Amino acid sequence: MSDSYRTLLLLRHAKSQYPPGVADHDRPLAPRGIREAALAGDWLRAHAPAVDAVLCSTATRTRETLERTRIDAPTEFVDRLYDATPGAVIDEINGVSSRFDCSAKNVATLLVIGHEPTMSALSLGLATADGSNSAAAERISEKFPTSSIAVLRTGGDWSQLTLNSATLVTFHVPR
């Protein structure tokens, strides 16, 4: 990978429980989610560049997903990523340099952990028509299951990320 490329990993939280009386924001992972979040972490370590930084929703299920992936990177928990629009997530990605002590240029691989329907809309919205993996795009348009990972690549700095400015490389559903 060239120094000019950045890798964006979009991870939907793992399968959560629906305990009675628990607010949506506070729902924990289900046993299946605990297992699949670990599988997502295994896949990331085996197939993606090392994660340099993480933006994670503040929801319990996203925090627990990150914990179970065993990804060890500087992390910011962002309220705005819960119930976010794709545009709000792009705004947060654009601000990576102000969130982390290191220079944004040192964040070559960024992991964002969030929710549906935002993760699928963001994956497809960022992907350019030319050069993107059309089979991966088709799978994402059909369903972006829990624990799924979209891998995108962009040539610009995080501050320049916009719609149609990245290449969709692959899509993985850990099971």
C-alpha atoms as a PDB file:
ATOM      1  CA  MET A   1       0.000   0.000   0.000  1.00  0.00           C
ATOM      2  CA  SER A   2       1.317   3.409  -0.952  1.00  0.00           C
ATOM      3  CA  ASP A   3       1.821   5.999   1.788  1.00  0.00           C
ATOM      4  CA  SER A   4      -0.745   8.138  -0.009  1.00  0.00           C
ATOM      5  CA  TYR A   5      -3.513   5.578   0.542  1.00  0.00           C
ATOM      6  CA  ARG A   6      -5.687   5.336   3.641  1.00  0.00           C
ATOM      7  CA  THR A   7      -7.781   2.318   4.627  1.00  0.00           C
ATOM      8  CA  LEU A   8     -11.207   2.788   6.168  1.00  0.00           C
ATOM      9  CA  LEU A   9     -12.752  -0.169   7.986  1.00  0.00           C
ATOM     10  CA  LEU A  10     -16.481   0.145   8.661  1.00  0.00           C
ATOM     11  CA  LEU A  11     -17.664  -2.384  11.242  1.00  0.00           C
ATOM     12  CA  ARG A  12     -21.271  -2.827  12.257  1.00  0.00           C
ATOM     13  CA  HIS A  13     -21.602  -3.768  15.925  1.00  0.00           C
ATOM     14  CA  ALA A  14     -22.042  -7.441  16.764  1.00  0.00           C
ATOM     15  CA  LYS A  15     -25.422  -9.068  17.498  1.00  0.00           C
ATOM     16  CA  SER A  16     -27.041  -7.532  20.574  1.00  0.00           C
ATOM     17  CA  GLN A  17     -29.620  -8.634  23.084  1.00  0.00           C
ATOM     18  CA  TYR A  18     -33.010  -7.010  23.656  1.00  0.00           C
ATOM     19  CA  PRO A  19     -33.427  -7.183  27.447  1.00  0.00           C
ATOM     20  CA  PRO A  20     -36.759  -5.857  28.702  1.00  0.00           C
ATOM     21  CA  GLY A  21     -36.590  -2.371  30.159  1.00  0.00           C
ATOM     22  CA  VAL A  22     -33.133  -1.627  28.710  1.00  0.00           C
ATOM     23  CA  ALA A  23     -32.856   1.463  26.511  1.00  0.00           C
ATOM     24  CA  ASP A  24     -31.614   0.881  22.950  1.00  0.00           C
ATOM     25  CA  HIS A  25     -28.346   2.731  23.644  1.00  0.00           C
ATOM     26  CA  ASP A  26     -27.601   0.404  26.573  1.00  0.00           C
ATOM     27  CA  ARG A  27     -28.298  -2.983  24.957  1.00  0.00           C
ATOM     28  CA  PRO A  28     -25.416  -5.452  25.486  1.00  0.00           C
ATOM     29  CA  LEU A  29     -24.082  -8.082  23.111  1.00  0.00           C
ATOM     30  CA  ALA A  30     -25.828 -11.426  22.812  1.00  0.00           C
ATOM     31  CA  PRO A  31     -23.744 -14.606  23.205  1.00  0.00           C
ATOM     32  CA  ARG A  32     -23.635 -14.916  19.388  1.00  0.00           C
ATOM     33  CA  GLY A  33     -22.410 -11.313  19.199  1.00  0.00           C
ATOM     34  CA  ILE A  34     -19.615 -11.982  21.672  1.00  0.00           C
ATOM     35  CA  ARG A  35     -18.403 -14.869  19.510  1.00  0.00           C
ATOM     36  CA  GLU A  36     -18.768 -13.016  16.200  1.00  0.00           C
ATOM     37  CA  ALA A  37     -17.061  -9.838  17.426  1.00  0.00           C
ATOM     38  CA  ALA A  38     -14.025 -11.974  18.275  1.00  0.00           C
ATOM     39  CA  LEU A  39     -14.173 -13.491  14.778  1.00  0.00           C
ATOM     40  CA  ALA A  40     -14.315  -9.973  13.290  1.00  0.00           C
ATOM     41  CA  GLY A  41     -11.165  -9.056  15.214  1.00  0.00           C
ATOM     42  CA  ASP A  42      -9.427 -12.221  14.032  1.00  0.00           C
ATOM     43  CA  TRP A  43     -10.336 -11.404  10.419  1.00  0.00           C
ATOM     44  CA  LEU A  44      -9.137  -7.797  10.741  1.00  0.00           C
ATOM     45  CA  ARG A  45      -5.767  -8.893  12.129  1.00  0.00           C
ATOM     46  CA  ALA A  46      -5.354 -11.479   9.352  1.00  0.00           C
ATOM     47  CA  HIS A  47      -6.615  -9.499   6.340  1.00  0.00           C
ATOM     48  CA  ALA A  48      -6.510  -5.748   6.966  1.00  0.00           C
ATOM     49  CA  PRO A  49      -3.678  -3.348   7.688  1.00  0.00           C
ATOM     50  CA  ALA A  50      -2.976  -2.739  11.377  1.00  0.00           C
ATOM     51  CA  VAL A  51      -5.537  -0.348  12.853  1.00  0.00           C
ATOM     52  CA  ASP A  52      -4.014   3.007  13.810  1.00  0.00           C
ATOM     53  CA  ALA A  53      -7.115   4.617  15.352  1.00  0.00           C
ATOM     54  CA  VAL A  54     -10.743   3.824  16.189  1.00  0.00           C
ATOM     55  CA  LEU A  55     -13.900   5.933  16.189  1.00  0.00           C
ATOM     56  CA  CYS A  56     -16.628   4.082  18.078  1.00  0.00           C
ATOM     57  CA  SER A  57     -20.246   4.870  18.900  1.00  0.00           C
ATOM     58  CA  THR A  58     -20.941   5.274  22.608  1.00  0.00           C
ATOM     59  CA  ALA A  59     -23.625   2.552  22.603  1.00  0.00           C
ATOM     60  CA  THR A  60     -22.923  -0.412  24.881  1.00  0.00           C
ATOM     61  CA  ARG A  61     -23.050  -2.893  22.002  1.00  0.00           C
ATOM     62  CA  THR A  62     -20.454  -0.987  19.966  1.00  0.00           C
ATOM     63  CA  ARG A  63     -18.125  -0.640  22.959  1.00  0.00           C
ATOM     64  CA  GLU A  64     -18.458  -4.354  23.704  1.00  0.00           C
ATOM     65  CA  THR A  65     -17.852  -5.166  20.037  1.00  0.00           C
ATOM     66  CA  LEU A  66     -14.597  -3.202  20.107  1.00  0.00           C
ATOM     67  CA  GLU A  67     -13.541  -4.903  23.333  1.00  0.00           C
ATOM     68  CA  ARG A  68     -14.203  -8.381  21.895  1.00  0.00           C
ATOM     69  CA  THR A  69     -12.282  -7.662  18.670  1.00  0.00           C
ATOM     70  CA  ARG A  70      -9.166  -7.144  20.805  1.00  0.00           C
ATOM     71  CA  ILE A  71      -8.092  -4.290  18.518  1.00  0.00           C
ATOM     72  CA  ASP A  72      -5.568  -2.238  20.460  1.00  0.00           C
ATOM     73  CA  ALA A  73      -5.443   1.253  19.001  1.00  0.00           C
ATOM     74  CA  PRO A  74      -6.131   4.790  20.220  1.00  0.00           C
ATOM     75  CA  THR A  75      -9.917   5.095  20.491  1.00  0.00           C
ATOM     76  CA  GLU A  76     -12.411   7.918  20.671  1.00  0.00           C
ATOM     77  CA  PHE A  77     -15.989   7.139  21.739  1.00  0.00           C
ATOM     78  CA  VAL A  78     -18.232   9.539  19.847  1.00  0.00           C
ATOM     79  CA  ASP A  79     -21.852  10.215  20.886  1.00  0.00           C
ATOM     80  CA  ARG A  80     -22.618  11.489  17.411  1.00  0.00           C
ATOM     81  CA  LEU A  81     -21.972   8.033  15.873  1.00  0.00           C
ATOM     82  CA  TYR A  82     -25.022   6.621  17.653  1.00  0.00           C
ATOM     83  CA  ASP A  83     -28.092   7.085  15.431  1.00  0.00           C
ATOM     84  CA  ALA A  84     -25.894   8.952  12.938  1.00  0.00           C
ATOM     85  CA  THR A  85     -26.412   9.846   9.311  1.00  0.00           C
ATOM     86  CA  PRO A  86     -23.685   8.985   6.788  1.00  0.00           C
ATOM     87  CA  GLY A  87     -22.868  12.701   6.585  1.00  0.00           C
ATOM     88  CA  ALA A  88     -22.312  12.908  10.341  1.00  0.00           C
ATOM     89  CA  VAL A  89     -19.942   9.937  10.197  1.00  0.00           C
ATOM     90  CA  ILE A  90     -18.020  11.540   7.331  1.00  0.00           C
ATOM     91  CA  ASP A  91     -17.736  14.733   9.420  1.00  0.00           C
ATOM     92  CA  GLU A  92     -16.247  12.700  12.278  1.00  0.00           C
ATOM     93  CA  ILE A  93     -13.804  10.970   9.927  1.00  0.00           C
ATOM     94  CA  ASN A  94     -12.850  14.357   8.454  1.00  0.00           C
ATOM     95  CA  GLY A  95     -11.865  15.451  11.985  1.00  0.00           C
ATOM     96  CA  VAL A  96      -9.506  12.565  12.746  1.00  0.00           C
ATOM     97  CA  SER A  97      -6.487  14.884  13.030  1.00  0.00           C
ATOM     98  CA  SER A  98      -8.151  16.846  15.841  1.00  0.00           C
ATOM     99  CA  ARG A  99      -9.212  13.704  17.748  1.00  0.00           C
ATOM    100  CA  PHE A 100      -5.912  11.897  18.071  1.00  0.00           C
ATOM    101  CA  ASP A 101      -2.555  13.092  19.419  1.00  0.00           C
ATOM    102  CA  CYS A 102      -0.745  11.795  16.372  1.00  0.00           C
ATOM    103  CA  SER A 103      -0.915  13.479  13.008  1.00  0.00           C
ATOM    104  CA  ALA A 104      -3.785  12.365  10.782  1.00  0.00           C
ATOM    105  CA  LYS A 105      -1.095  11.331   8.284  1.00  0.00           C
ATOM    106  CA  ASN A 106      -0.026   8.699  10.820  1.00  0.00           C
ATOM    107  CA  VAL A 107      -3.542   7.253  10.825  1.00  0.00           C
ATOM    108  CA  ALA A 108      -3.234   5.135   7.723  1.00  0.00           C
ATOM    109  CA  THR A 109      -5.972   2.722   8.849  1.00  0.00           C
ATOM    110  CA  LEU A 110      -9.087   3.935  10.624  1.00  0.00           C
ATOM    111  CA  LEU A 111     -11.727   1.641  12.125  1.00  0.00           C
ATOM    112  CA  VAL A 112     -15.238   3.053  12.600  1.00  0.00           C
ATOM    113  CA  ILE A 113     -17.703   1.002  14.662  1.00  0.00           C
ATOM    114  CA  GLY A 114     -21.326   1.960  14.227  1.00  0.00           C
ATOM    115  CA  HIS A 115     -24.869   0.964  13.405  1.00  0.00           C
ATOM    116  CA  GLU A 116     -27.243   0.158  10.587  1.00  0.00           C
ATOM    117  CA  PRO A 117     -28.563   1.567   8.347  1.00  0.00           C
ATOM    118  CA  THR A 118     -25.660   4.008   8.465  1.00  0.00           C
ATOM    119  CA  MET A 119     -22.813   1.549   7.847  1.00  0.00           C
ATOM    120  CA  SER A 120     -24.303   0.212   4.609  1.00  0.00           C
ATOM    121  CA  ALA A 121     -25.335   3.650   3.331  1.00  0.00           C
ATOM    122  CA  LEU A 122     -21.905   5.044   4.168  1.00  0.00           C
ATOM    123  CA  SER A 123     -20.065   2.137   2.499  1.00  0.00           C
ATOM    124  CA  LEU A 124     -22.057   2.499  -0.700  1.00  0.00           C
ATOM    125  CA  GLY A 125     -22.028   6.301  -0.618  1.00  0.00           C
ATOM    126  CA  LEU A 126     -18.256   6.533  -0.269  1.00  0.00           C
ATOM    127  CA  ALA A 127     -17.560   3.971  -2.984  1.00  0.00           C
ATOM    128  CA  THR A 128     -16.742   5.196  -6.459  1.00  0.00           C
ATOM    129  CA  ALA A 129     -18.349   3.411  -9.394  1.00  0.00           C
ATOM    130  CA  ASP A 130     -14.982   2.887 -11.087  1.00  0.00           C
ATOM    131  CA  GLY A 131     -12.612   0.480  -9.367  1.00  0.00           C
ATOM    132  CA  SER A 132     -14.869  -0.618  -6.529  1.00  0.00           C
ATOM    133  CA  ASN A 133     -15.681  -4.268  -5.929  1.00  0.00           C
ATOM    134  CA  SER A 134     -19.137  -4.603  -7.493  1.00  0.00           C
ATOM    135  CA  ALA A 135     -19.810  -7.992  -5.868  1.00  0.00           C
ATOM    136  CA  ALA A 136     -19.088  -6.485  -2.442  1.00  0.00           C
ATOM    137  CA  ALA A 137     -21.352  -3.521  -3.214  1.00  0.00           C
ATOM    138  CA  GLU A 138     -24.145  -5.885  -4.229  1.00  0.00           C
ATOM    139  CA  ARG A 139     -23.803  -7.856  -0.988  1.00  0.00           C
ATOM    140  CA  ILE A 140     -23.855  -4.651   1.071  1.00  0.00           C
ATOM    141  CA  SER A 141     -26.953  -3.410  -0.754  1.00  0.00           C
ATOM    142  CA  GLU A 142     -28.719  -6.667   0.115  1.00  0.00           C
ATOM    143  CA  LYS A 143     -27.747  -6.733   3.785  1.00  0.00           C
ATOM    144  CA  PHE A 144     -25.029  -5.462   6.137  1.00  0.00           C
ATOM    145  CA  PRO A 145     -25.322  -8.058   8.933  1.00  0.00           C
ATOM    146  CA  THR A 146     -24.068  -7.607  12.470  1.00  0.00           C
ATOM    147  CA  SER A 147     -20.263  -7.869  12.785  1.00  0.00           C
ATOM    148  CA  SER A 148     -19.819  -7.187   9.047  1.00  0.00           C
ATOM    149  CA  ILE A 149     -16.816  -5.253   7.800  1.00  0.00           C
ATOM    150  CA  ALA A 150     -16.567  -3.058   4.715  1.00  0.00           C
ATOM    151  CA  VAL A 151     -13.009  -2.243   3.640  1.00  0.00           C
ATOM    152  CA  LEU A 152     -12.504   0.937   1.642  1.00  0.00           C
ATOM    153  CA  ARG A 153      -9.402   2.712   0.384  1.00  0.00           C
ATOM    154  CA  THR A 154      -8.933   6.390  -0.339  1.00  0.00           C
ATOM    155  CA  GLY A 155      -6.064   8.351  -1.800  1.00  0.00           C
ATOM    156  CA  GLY A 156      -6.602  11.563   0.120  1.00  0.00           C
ATOM    157  CA  ASP A 157      -6.265  12.682   3.700  1.00  0.00           C
ATOM    158  CA  TRP A 158      -9.131  11.929   6.077  1.00  0.00           C
ATOM    159  CA  SER A 159     -10.084  15.612   6.008  1.00  0.00           C
ATOM    160  CA  GLN A 160     -10.823  15.284   2.281  1.00  0.00           C
ATOM    161  CA  LEU A 161     -13.065  12.201   2.446  1.00  0.00           C
ATOM    162  CA  THR A 162     -16.386  12.840   0.705  1.00  0.00           C
ATOM    163  CA  LEU A 163     -19.081  10.807  -0.994  1.00  0.00           C
ATOM    164  CA  ASN A 164     -17.756   8.938  -4.055  1.00  0.00           C
ATOM    165  CA  SER A 165     -14.123   9.378  -2.993  1.00  0.00           C
ATOM    166  CA  ALA A 166     -13.111   5.844  -1.946  1.00  0.00           C
ATOM    167  CA  THR A 167     -12.734   2.411  -3.479  1.00  0.00           C
ATOM    168  CA  LEU A 168     -14.731  -0.434  -1.950  1.00  0.00           C
ATOM    169  CA  VAL A 169     -12.171  -3.210  -1.693  1.00  0.00           C
ATOM    170  CA  THR A 170     -14.055  -6.015   0.048  1.00  0.00           C
ATOM    171  CA  PHE A 171     -16.885  -6.923   2.387  1.00  0.00           C
ATOM    172  CA  HIS A 172     -16.660  -9.649   5.020  1.00  0.00           C
ATOM    173  CA  VAL A 173     -19.267 -11.235   7.289  1.00  0.00           C
ATOM    174  CA  PRO A 174     -17.527 -13.142  10.105  1.00  0.00           C
ATOM    175  CA  ARG A 175     -19.387 -16.294  11.062  1.00  0.00           C
END
